[in-house]
């Protein structure tokens, strides 16, 4: 019996997994995440969430500055 990693990295022709690969999904990312512990996955998720929050804050600050510039011109 093949391991889940083997099935994802070398899907059988005509399988749903092979179809996903043809569609363009990078299943090596799935395999990589499956090799992490649940704690490591949570830490990665938290890092991504922190990055999104920083980006949102930067966009909000830029938007606020841009509005001030527009108001200063009038």
N, C-alpha and C. Protein backbone atom coordinates (compact mmCIF):
# COMPACT_ATOMS: atom_id res chain seq x y z
N UNK A 1 0.85 -1.19 0.00
CA UNK A 1 0.00 0.00 0.00
C UNK A 1 0.89 1.25 0.00
N UNK A 2 0.53 2.22 -0.84
CA UNK A 2 1.33 3.43 -0.95
C UNK A 2 0.99 4.42 0.16
N UNK A 3 2.00 5.18 0.58
CA UNK A 3 1.79 6.19 1.62
C UNK A 3 1.04 7.37 1.02
N UNK A 4 0.41 8.20 1.87
CA UNK A 4 -0.26 9.39 1.35
C UNK A 4 0.69 10.30 0.55
N UNK A 5 1.93 10.42 1.02
CA UNK A 5 2.90 11.24 0.31
C UNK A 5 3.17 10.68 -1.09
N UNK A 6 3.32 9.36 -1.17
CA UNK A 6 3.56 8.71 -2.45
C UNK A 6 2.38 8.93 -3.40
N UNK A 7 1.17 8.83 -2.87
CA UNK A 7 -0.02 9.03 -3.70
C UNK A 7 -0.09 10.46 -4.22
N UNK A 8 0.33 11.42 -3.40
CA UNK A 8 0.27 12.82 -3.82
C UNK A 8 1.38 13.17 -4.81
N UNK A 9 2.56 12.62 -4.58
CA UNK A 9 3.71 12.97 -5.43
C UNK A 9 3.73 12.19 -6.74
N UNK A 10 3.15 11.00 -6.74
CA UNK A 10 3.11 10.16 -7.95
C UNK A 10 1.70 9.60 -8.13
N UNK A 11 0.75 10.47 -8.47
CA UNK A 11 -0.64 10.00 -8.59
C UNK A 11 -0.82 9.05 -9.76
N UNK A 12 -1.78 8.17 -9.59
CA UNK A 12 -2.11 7.24 -10.67
C UNK A 12 -2.79 8.00 -11.80
N UNK A 13 -2.44 7.68 -13.03
CA UNK A 13 -3.09 8.34 -14.18
C UNK A 13 -4.61 8.20 -14.10
N UNK A 14 -5.29 9.31 -14.36
CA UNK A 14 -6.75 9.30 -14.35
C UNK A 14 -7.37 9.51 -12.98
N UNK A 15 -6.55 9.55 -11.92
CA UNK A 15 -7.09 9.75 -10.58
C UNK A 15 -7.44 11.21 -10.35
N UNK A 16 -8.22 11.46 -9.32
CA UNK A 16 -8.58 12.83 -8.96
C UNK A 16 -7.32 13.63 -8.60
N UNK A 17 -6.36 12.97 -7.99
CA UNK A 17 -5.11 13.64 -7.63
C UNK A 17 -4.36 14.05 -8.90
N UNK A 18 -4.29 13.16 -9.87
CA UNK A 18 -3.64 13.49 -11.14
C UNK A 18 -4.37 14.65 -11.82
N UNK A 19 -5.68 14.66 -11.70
CA UNK A 19 -6.47 15.76 -12.27
C UNK A 19 -6.12 17.08 -11.59
N UNK A 20 -5.96 17.05 -10.27
CA UNK A 20 -5.59 18.26 -9.52
C UNK A 20 -4.22 18.77 -9.97
N UNK A 21 -3.28 17.86 -10.20
CA UNK A 21 -1.95 18.24 -10.66
C UNK A 21 -2.04 18.87 -12.06
N UNK A 22 -2.81 18.26 -12.93
CA UNK A 22 -2.99 18.82 -14.28
C UNK A 22 -3.63 20.20 -14.22
N UNK A 23 -4.49 20.40 -13.24
CA UNK A 23 -5.15 21.70 -13.07
C UNK A 23 -4.16 22.77 -12.61
N UNK A 24 -3.07 22.32 -11.97
CA UNK A 24 -2.03 23.27 -11.56
C UNK A 24 -1.75 23.33 -10.07
N UNK A 25 -2.37 22.45 -9.31
CA UNK A 25 -2.11 22.46 -7.88
C UNK A 25 -0.72 21.89 -7.58
N UNK A 26 0.00 22.57 -6.69
CA UNK A 26 1.33 22.13 -6.28
C UNK A 26 1.18 21.26 -5.04
N UNK A 27 1.13 19.98 -5.23
CA UNK A 27 0.89 19.07 -4.11
C UNK A 27 2.13 18.87 -3.25
N UNK A 28 3.29 19.35 -3.70
CA UNK A 28 4.48 19.27 -2.85
C UNK A 28 4.28 20.12 -1.61
N UNK A 29 3.50 21.20 -1.73
CA UNK A 29 3.21 22.04 -0.55
C UNK A 29 2.37 21.27 0.46
N UNK A 30 1.42 20.49 -0.03
CA UNK A 30 0.59 19.67 0.86
C UNK A 30 1.45 18.64 1.56
N UNK A 31 2.31 17.98 0.81
CA UNK A 31 3.20 16.97 1.39
C UNK A 31 4.09 17.61 2.46
N UNK A 32 4.65 18.78 2.12
CA UNK A 32 5.50 19.48 3.09
C UNK A 32 4.77 19.79 4.38
N UNK A 33 3.52 20.23 4.27
CA UNK A 33 2.75 20.53 5.47
C UNK A 33 2.39 19.27 6.25
N UNK A 34 2.16 18.18 5.54
CA UNK A 34 1.85 16.92 6.23
C UNK A 34 3.05 16.41 7.03
N UNK A 35 4.25 16.82 6.64
CA UNK A 35 5.45 16.38 7.34
C UNK A 35 5.72 17.20 8.61
N UNK A 36 4.99 18.31 8.78
CA UNK A 36 5.14 19.14 9.97
C UNK A 36 4.27 18.60 11.10
N UNK A 37 4.67 18.93 12.31
CA UNK A 37 3.83 18.59 13.46
C UNK A 37 2.66 19.57 13.51
N UNK A 38 1.57 19.21 14.20
CA UNK A 38 0.47 20.17 14.34
C UNK A 38 0.94 21.50 14.94
N UNK A 39 1.86 21.45 15.89
CA UNK A 39 2.38 22.68 16.49
C UNK A 39 3.11 23.54 15.45
N UNK A 40 3.90 22.91 14.60
CA UNK A 40 4.61 23.65 13.56
C UNK A 40 3.63 24.26 12.55
N UNK A 41 2.58 23.53 12.24
CA UNK A 41 1.57 24.08 11.32
C UNK A 41 0.87 25.29 11.93
N UNK A 42 0.58 25.20 13.23
CA UNK A 42 -0.05 26.34 13.91
C UNK A 42 0.89 27.54 13.95
N UNK A 43 2.17 27.31 14.17
CA UNK A 43 3.14 28.40 14.19
C UNK A 43 3.23 29.05 12.81
N UNK A 44 3.22 28.24 11.75
CA UNK A 44 3.23 28.80 10.39
C UNK A 44 1.98 29.62 10.13
N UNK A 45 0.84 29.10 10.56
CA UNK A 45 -0.42 29.82 10.38
C UNK A 45 -0.39 31.15 11.14
N UNK A 46 0.11 31.13 12.37
CA UNK A 46 0.19 32.36 13.16
C UNK A 46 1.10 33.37 12.48
N UNK A 47 2.21 32.91 11.91
CA UNK A 47 3.12 33.80 11.20
C UNK A 47 2.43 34.44 10.00
N UNK A 48 1.66 33.65 9.27
CA UNK A 48 0.93 34.18 8.12
C UNK A 48 -0.12 35.20 8.56
N UNK A 49 -0.81 34.91 9.65
CA UNK A 49 -1.81 35.83 10.16
C UNK A 49 -1.16 37.14 10.62
N UNK A 50 0.00 37.05 11.25
CA UNK A 50 0.72 38.25 11.67
C UNK A 50 1.12 39.09 10.46
N UNK A 51 1.56 38.43 9.40
CA UNK A 51 1.94 39.15 8.17
C UNK A 51 0.74 39.86 7.55
N UNK A 52 -0.40 39.20 7.54
CA UNK A 52 -1.61 39.81 6.98
C UNK A 52 -2.00 41.03 7.81
N UNK A 53 -1.90 40.94 9.12
CA UNK A 53 -2.25 42.07 9.98
C UNK A 53 -1.30 43.24 9.76
N UNK A 54 -0.01 42.97 9.59
CA UNK A 54 0.96 44.04 9.30
C UNK A 54 0.63 44.71 7.97
N UNK A 55 0.29 43.91 6.99
CA UNK A 55 -0.06 44.45 5.68
C UNK A 55 -1.31 45.31 5.77
N UNK A 56 -2.32 44.84 6.47
CA UNK A 56 -3.55 45.64 6.64
C UNK A 56 -3.25 46.97 7.32
N UNK A 57 -2.42 46.93 8.35
CA UNK A 57 -2.06 48.16 9.06
C UNK A 57 -1.32 49.13 8.15
N UNK A 58 -0.41 48.61 7.34
CA UNK A 58 0.35 49.46 6.43
C UNK A 58 -0.57 50.08 5.38
N UNK A 59 -1.51 49.31 4.86
CA UNK A 59 -2.45 49.83 3.87
C UNK A 59 -3.34 50.90 4.49
N UNK A 60 -3.80 50.67 5.70
CA UNK A 60 -4.65 51.65 6.38
C UNK A 60 -3.88 52.94 6.64
N UNK A 61 -2.63 52.83 7.05
CA UNK A 61 -1.81 54.01 7.31
C UNK A 61 -1.57 54.79 6.01
N UNK A 62 -1.27 54.09 4.94
CA UNK A 62 -1.05 54.76 3.65
C UNK A 62 -2.32 55.44 3.18
N UNK A 63 -3.44 54.79 3.34
CA UNK A 63 -4.72 55.37 2.93
C UNK A 63 -5.00 56.64 3.73
N UNK A 64 -4.70 56.60 5.01
CA UNK A 64 -4.91 57.75 5.88
C UNK A 64 -4.01 58.92 5.44
N UNK A 65 -2.75 58.62 5.12
CA UNK A 65 -1.82 59.65 4.66
C UNK A 65 -2.27 60.24 3.33
N UNK A 66 -2.72 59.36 2.42
CA UNK A 66 -3.19 59.83 1.11
C UNK A 66 -4.40 60.76 1.26
N UNK A 67 -5.30 60.44 2.16
CA UNK A 67 -6.47 61.29 2.38
C UNK A 67 -6.06 62.65 2.91
N UNK A 68 -5.05 62.67 3.81
CA UNK A 68 -4.55 63.93 4.34
C UNK A 68 -3.96 64.79 3.23
N UNK A 69 -3.21 64.17 2.32
CA UNK A 69 -2.62 64.91 1.21
C UNK A 69 -3.69 65.53 0.34
N UNK A 70 -4.75 64.80 0.05
CA UNK A 70 -5.84 65.30 -0.77
C UNK A 70 -6.53 66.46 -0.06
N UNK A 71 -6.76 66.31 1.23
CA UNK A 71 -7.44 67.37 1.99
C UNK A 71 -6.57 68.61 2.13
N UNK A 72 -5.26 68.44 2.22
CA UNK A 72 -4.35 69.57 2.33
C UNK A 72 -4.31 70.40 1.06
N UNK A 73 -4.57 69.79 -0.08
CA UNK A 73 -4.54 70.48 -1.38
C UNK A 73 -5.77 71.36 -1.56
N UNK A 74 -6.83 71.05 -0.86
CA UNK A 74 -8.10 71.78 -1.07
C UNK A 74 -8.28 72.86 -0.08
